N, C-alpha and C. Protein backbone atom coordinates (compact mmCIF):
# COMPACT_ATOMS: atom_id res chain seq x y z
N MET A 1 -2.10 13.40 -4.23
CA MET A 1 -1.40 12.16 -3.92
C MET A 1 -0.47 11.73 -3.00
N LYS A 2 -0.82 10.64 -2.08
CA LYS A 2 -0.56 10.16 -0.81
C LYS A 2 0.77 10.05 -0.73
N PRO A 3 1.77 10.30 0.27
CA PRO A 3 3.52 10.23 0.52
C PRO A 3 3.76 8.67 0.33
N ALA A 4 4.42 8.22 -0.09
CA ALA A 4 4.77 6.89 -0.03
C ALA A 4 5.36 6.36 1.20
N PHE A 5 5.03 4.97 1.47
CA PHE A 5 5.23 4.38 2.94
C PHE A 5 6.75 4.25 2.85
N ARG A 6 7.54 4.81 3.74
CA ARG A 6 9.15 4.61 3.82
C ARG A 6 9.64 4.31 4.89
N GLY A 7 9.10 3.13 5.84
CA GLY A 7 9.10 2.45 6.70
C GLY A 7 8.52 3.02 8.18
N ASN A 8 8.25 4.12 8.29
CA ASN A 8 7.77 4.59 9.48
C ASN A 8 6.39 3.85 9.76
N LYS A 9 6.24 3.04 10.40
CA LYS A 9 4.83 2.27 10.57
C LYS A 9 3.88 3.28 11.50
N ALA A 10 4.56 4.03 12.20
CA ALA A 10 3.71 5.16 13.20
C ALA A 10 2.92 6.09 12.33
N ALA A 11 3.23 6.03 10.98
CA ALA A 11 2.76 7.14 10.08
C ALA A 11 1.11 6.34 9.46
N LEU A 12 1.24 4.98 9.38
CA LEU A 12 0.08 4.20 9.06
C LEU A 12 -1.18 4.47 9.64
N PRO A 13 -2.18 4.58 9.17
CA PRO A 13 -3.60 4.50 9.97
C PRO A 13 -3.81 3.35 10.62
N ALA A 14 -4.60 3.35 11.84
CA ALA A 14 -5.06 2.27 12.51
C ALA A 14 -6.38 2.52 13.25
N LYS A 15 -6.89 1.50 13.45
CA LYS A 15 -8.72 1.66 13.94
C LYS A 15 -8.52 0.48 14.57
N ARG A 16 -9.44 0.22 15.45
CA ARG A 16 -9.68 -1.01 16.71
C ARG A 16 -10.57 -2.29 15.70
N CYS A 17 -10.41 -3.18 16.37
CA CYS A 17 -11.07 -4.38 16.17
C CYS A 17 -12.42 -4.36 16.64
N ALA A 18 -13.44 -4.64 16.28
CA ALA A 18 -14.82 -4.52 16.48
C ALA A 18 -15.26 -5.64 17.58
N ALA A 19 -14.22 -7.06 17.48
CA ALA A 19 -14.63 -8.04 18.62
C ALA A 19 -13.50 -8.01 19.96
N CYS A 20 -12.38 -7.83 19.45
CA CYS A 20 -11.66 -7.52 20.89
C CYS A 20 -11.18 -6.49 21.12
N GLY A 21 -11.20 -5.56 20.14
CA GLY A 21 -10.66 -4.09 20.78
C GLY A 21 -9.37 -3.91 20.67
N ARG A 22 -8.60 -4.90 19.94
CA ARG A 22 -7.06 -4.70 19.59
C ARG A 22 -6.87 -4.00 18.45
N THR A 23 -5.72 -2.80 18.56
CA THR A 23 -5.43 -1.95 17.40
C THR A 23 -4.94 -2.62 16.29
N MET A 24 -5.53 -2.36 15.03
CA MET A 24 -4.99 -2.85 13.83
C MET A 24 -4.74 -1.71 13.16
N VAL A 25 -3.00 -2.17 12.19
CA VAL A 25 -2.70 -1.22 12.01
C VAL A 25 -2.54 -1.56 10.07
N TRP A 26 -2.94 -0.65 9.04
CA TRP A 26 -3.30 -0.61 7.66
C TRP A 26 -1.89 -1.75 7.50
N ARG A 27 -2.61 -2.59 6.56
CA ARG A 27 -1.88 -3.44 5.47
C ARG A 27 -1.96 -3.29 4.22
N LYS A 28 -1.23 -3.54 3.27
CA LYS A 28 -1.46 -3.42 1.92
C LYS A 28 -2.34 -4.59 1.16
N LYS A 29 -2.44 -5.61 2.43
CA LYS A 29 -3.38 -6.35 1.90
C LYS A 29 -4.84 -5.96 1.92
N TRP A 30 -5.11 -4.87 2.64
CA TRP A 30 -6.36 -4.10 2.62
C TRP A 30 -6.63 -2.91 2.28
N GLN A 31 -5.25 -2.73 1.20
CA GLN A 31 -5.51 -1.53 0.45
C GLN A 31 -7.28 -0.88 0.03
N ARG A 32 -7.78 -1.93 -0.38
CA ARG A 32 -8.79 -1.48 -1.55
C ARG A 32 -9.89 -1.43 -0.81
N ASP A 33 -10.03 -2.19 0.61
CA ASP A 33 -11.31 -2.15 1.55
C ASP A 33 -10.84 -1.78 2.77
N TRP A 34 -9.76 -0.82 3.18
CA TRP A 34 -9.54 -0.63 4.65
C TRP A 34 -10.91 -0.03 5.35
N ASP A 35 -11.45 0.64 4.42
CA ASP A 35 -13.17 1.14 5.31
C ASP A 35 -13.97 0.13 5.77
N ALA A 36 -13.90 -1.05 5.02
CA ALA A 36 -14.95 -2.28 5.29
C ALA A 36 -14.49 -3.03 6.17
N VAL A 37 -12.94 -2.93 6.57
CA VAL A 37 -12.49 -4.09 7.19
C VAL A 37 -12.79 -3.57 8.96
N LYS A 38 -13.22 -4.53 9.52
CA LYS A 38 -13.81 -4.44 10.91
C LYS A 38 -13.03 -5.02 12.10
N TYR A 39 -12.70 -6.48 11.75
CA TYR A 39 -11.88 -7.14 12.56
C TYR A 39 -10.66 -7.46 12.23
N CYS A 40 -9.80 -8.07 13.24
CA CYS A 40 -8.15 -7.92 13.37
C CYS A 40 -7.86 -9.13 12.59
N SER A 41 -9.09 -10.38 12.80
CA SER A 41 -8.43 -11.94 12.55
C SER A 41 -10.00 -12.77 11.93
N GLU A 42 -9.73 -13.85 11.17
CA GLU A 42 -10.80 -14.60 11.27
C GLU A 42 -11.28 -15.01 12.56
N ARG A 43 -10.61 -15.30 13.63
CA ARG A 43 -10.94 -15.66 14.73
C ARG A 43 -12.11 -14.75 15.03
N CYS A 44 -11.65 -13.30 15.18
CA CYS A 44 -12.51 -12.42 15.95
C CYS A 44 -13.86 -12.21 15.09
N ARG A 45 -13.65 -12.36 13.74
CA ARG A 45 -15.14 -12.18 13.10
C ARG A 45 -16.00 -13.34 12.89
N ARG A 46 -15.54 -14.69 13.32
CA ARG A 46 -16.11 -15.71 14.00
C ARG A 46 -17.02 -15.65 15.08
N GLN A 47 -16.03 -15.00 16.08
CA GLN A 47 -16.51 -15.05 16.92
C GLN A 47 -17.65 -14.06 17.47
N ARG A 48 -17.69 -12.83 16.67
CA ARG A 48 -18.50 -11.81 16.96
C ARG A 48 -19.93 -12.21 15.89
N ALA A 49 -19.68 -12.96 14.75
CA ALA A 49 -20.75 -13.44 14.16
C ALA A 49 -21.37 -14.45 15.02
N ALA A 50 -21.02 -15.30 15.95
CA ALA A 50 -21.77 -16.32 16.77
C ALA A 50 -22.50 -15.46 18.03
N GLN A 51 -21.63 -14.47 18.22
CA GLN A 51 -22.46 -13.88 19.56
C GLN A 51 -23.85 -12.93 18.73
N PRO A 52 -24.83 -13.17 19.81
CA PRO A 52 -26.14 -12.50 19.16
C PRO A 52 -26.06 -11.24 19.69
């Protein structure tokens, strides 16, 4: 069982955006598909798709 989040954001998992390289920190919104999250924003997702 995972420990509950108690306000310590440093303990949350993080990874780099595939487009801009910015560090993304885990969000509750991404809870179910954190492994599939690649981009920090829609702008980065669209920008990466436009580049060949």
